[in-house]
Amino acid sequence: MQIGDRVVICDPKHPLNNYEGKLIGFRGKKPPDDAWLLIFINDRGRSHLIPQSMVKALSPKSADNKKVDPKTDHGRYN
């Protein structure tokens, strides 16, 4: 996982189970050999520290990969 990746909390024991967010930082290790991740949760509007073992990376959405032709006039869409 890298900073900026979209993630989902996938542990049923966690109170934010199934919430999606964005990885914004790493905050050390949690024994045994598990890292703390700082994740901005979209629905809550704040960041939370969550163990990496409770998080799964999401695949990039096709809408995020949309290309825009710079030669086309996009002024009417503003």
C-alpha atoms as a PDB file:
ATOM      1  CA  MET A   1       0.000   0.000   0.000  1.00  0.00           C
ATOM      2  CA  GLN A   2       1.090   3.531  -0.757  1.00  0.00           C
ATOM      3  CA  ILE A   3      -0.015   6.941   0.428  1.00  0.00           C
ATOM      4  CA  GLY A   4      -2.988   8.049  -1.639  1.00  0.00           C
ATOM      5  CA  ASP A   5      -4.418   4.545  -2.158  1.00  0.00           C
ATOM      6  CA  ARG A   6      -8.169   4.035  -1.684  1.00  0.00           C
ATOM      7  CA  VAL A   7      -8.875   1.463   1.059  1.00  0.00           C
ATOM      8  CA  VAL A   8     -11.805  -0.192   2.787  1.00  0.00           C
ATOM      9  CA  ILE A   9     -11.971  -1.415   6.391  1.00  0.00           C
ATOM     10  CA  CYS A  10     -12.772  -5.109   6.115  1.00  0.00           C
ATOM     11  CA  ASP A  11     -12.745  -6.449   9.703  1.00  0.00           C
ATOM     12  CA  PRO A  12     -16.205  -7.109  11.211  1.00  0.00           C
ATOM     13  CA  LYS A  13     -14.826  -6.391  14.716  1.00  0.00           C
ATOM     14  CA  HIS A  14     -13.942  -2.802  13.787  1.00  0.00           C
ATOM     15  CA  PRO A  15     -16.677  -0.175  14.402  1.00  0.00           C
ATOM     16  CA  LEU A  16     -15.989   1.396  10.975  1.00  0.00           C
ATOM     17  CA  ASN A  17     -16.373  -1.886   9.072  1.00  0.00           C
ATOM     18  CA  ASN A  18     -17.081  -1.369   5.318  1.00  0.00           C
ATOM     19  CA  TYR A  19     -16.180   2.338   5.415  1.00  0.00           C
ATOM     20  CA  GLU A  20     -13.985   3.574   2.568  1.00  0.00           C
ATOM     21  CA  GLY A  21     -11.174   6.061   2.874  1.00  0.00           C
ATOM     22  CA  LYS A  22      -7.823   7.257   1.624  1.00  0.00           C
ATOM     23  CA  LEU A  23      -4.460   6.263   3.089  1.00  0.00           C
ATOM     24  CA  ILE A  24      -2.715   9.447   4.225  1.00  0.00           C
ATOM     25  CA  GLY A  25       0.117   8.134   6.415  1.00  0.00           C
ATOM     26  CA  PHE A  26       1.926   5.389   8.324  1.00  0.00           C
ATOM     27  CA  ARG A  27       2.257   5.704  12.110  1.00  0.00           C
ATOM     28  CA  GLY A  28       4.579   2.982  13.379  1.00  0.00           C
ATOM     29  CA  LYS A  29       4.218  -0.695  14.231  1.00  0.00           C
ATOM     30  CA  LYS A  30       1.609  -2.567  16.233  1.00  0.00           C
ATOM     31  CA  PRO A  31       2.788  -5.915  17.570  1.00  0.00           C
ATOM     32  CA  PRO A  32       3.074  -8.489  16.080  1.00  0.00           C
ATOM     33  CA  ASP A  33       4.490  -6.990  12.864  1.00  0.00           C
ATOM     34  CA  ASP A  34       1.389  -4.951  11.980  1.00  0.00           C
ATOM     35  CA  ALA A  35       1.537  -1.273  10.933  1.00  0.00           C
ATOM     36  CA  TRP A  36      -0.776   1.540  12.053  1.00  0.00           C
ATOM     37  CA  LEU A  37      -2.291   3.362   9.086  1.00  0.00           C
ATOM     38  CA  LEU A  38      -3.698   6.876   9.170  1.00  0.00           C
ATOM     39  CA  ILE A  39      -6.809   6.785   6.975  1.00  0.00           C
ATOM     40  CA  PHE A  40      -9.104   9.666   6.075  1.00  0.00           C
ATOM     41  CA  ILE A  41     -12.669   8.285   6.198  1.00  0.00           C
ATOM     42  CA  ASN A  42     -14.856  10.112   3.662  1.00  0.00           C
ATOM     43  CA  ASP A  43     -18.199   9.608   5.440  1.00  0.00           C
ATOM     44  CA  ARG A  44     -16.843  10.799   8.788  1.00  0.00           C
ATOM     45  CA  GLY A  45     -14.794  13.724   7.498  1.00  0.00           C
ATOM     46  CA  ARG A  46     -11.813  12.897   9.712  1.00  0.00           C
ATOM     47  CA  SER A  47      -8.839  10.564   9.936  1.00  0.00           C
ATOM     48  CA  HIS A  48      -8.501   7.431  12.071  1.00  0.00           C
ATOM     49  CA  LEU A  49      -5.620   5.161  13.082  1.00  0.00           C
ATOM     50  CA  ILE A  50      -6.402   1.630  11.927  1.00  0.00           C
ATOM     51  CA  PRO A  51      -4.176  -1.498  11.923  1.00  0.00           C
ATOM     52  CA  GLN A  52      -3.100  -2.619   8.453  1.00  0.00           C
ATOM     53  CA  SER A  53      -4.462  -6.130   9.081  1.00  0.00           C
ATOM     54  CA  MET A  54      -8.018  -4.663   9.163  1.00  0.00           C
ATOM     55  CA  VAL A  55      -7.679  -2.807   5.839  1.00  0.00           C
ATOM     56  CA  LYS A  56      -7.860  -3.891   2.203  1.00  0.00           C
ATOM     57  CA  ALA A  57      -6.770  -1.791  -0.807  1.00  0.00           C
ATOM     58  CA  LEU A  58      -9.422  -1.039  -3.417  1.00  0.00           C
ATOM     59  CA  SER A  59      -8.781  -1.311  -7.121  1.00  0.00           C
ATOM     60  CA  PRO A  60      -8.732   2.019  -8.946  1.00  0.00           C
ATOM     61  CA  LYS A  61     -12.110   2.953 -10.398  1.00  0.00           C
ATOM     62  CA  SER A  62     -12.377   3.406 -14.144  1.00  0.00           C
ATOM     63  CA  ALA A  63     -13.800   6.926 -13.643  1.00  0.00           C
ATOM     64  CA  ASP A  64     -10.529   8.013 -12.036  1.00  0.00           C
ATOM     65  CA  ASN A  65      -8.625   6.972 -15.178  1.00  0.00           C
ATOM     66  CA  LYS A  66     -10.706   9.086 -17.564  1.00  0.00           C
ATOM     67  CA  LYS A  67      -8.573  11.063 -20.022  1.00  0.00           C
ATOM     68  CA  VAL A  68      -9.412  14.572 -21.172  1.00  0.00           C
ATOM     69  CA  ASP A  69      -8.380  15.943 -24.544  1.00  0.00           C
ATOM     70  CA  PRO A  70      -6.589  19.268 -23.834  1.00  0.00           C
ATOM     71  CA  LYS A  71      -7.404  20.575 -27.347  1.00  0.00           C
ATOM     72  CA  THR A  72     -11.160  20.375 -26.799  1.00  0.00           C
ATOM     73  CA  ASP A  73     -13.048  23.464 -25.570  1.00  0.00           C
ATOM     74  CA  HIS A  74     -14.321  22.622 -22.059  1.00  0.00           C
ATOM     75  CA  GLY A  75     -15.362  26.198 -21.188  1.00  0.00           C
ATOM     76  CA  ARG A  76     -19.093  25.493 -21.325  1.00  0.00           C
ATOM     77  CA  TYR A  77     -18.835  22.896 -18.526  1.00  0.00           C
ATOM     78  CA  ASN A  78     -17.636  25.337 -15.845  1.00  0.00           C
END
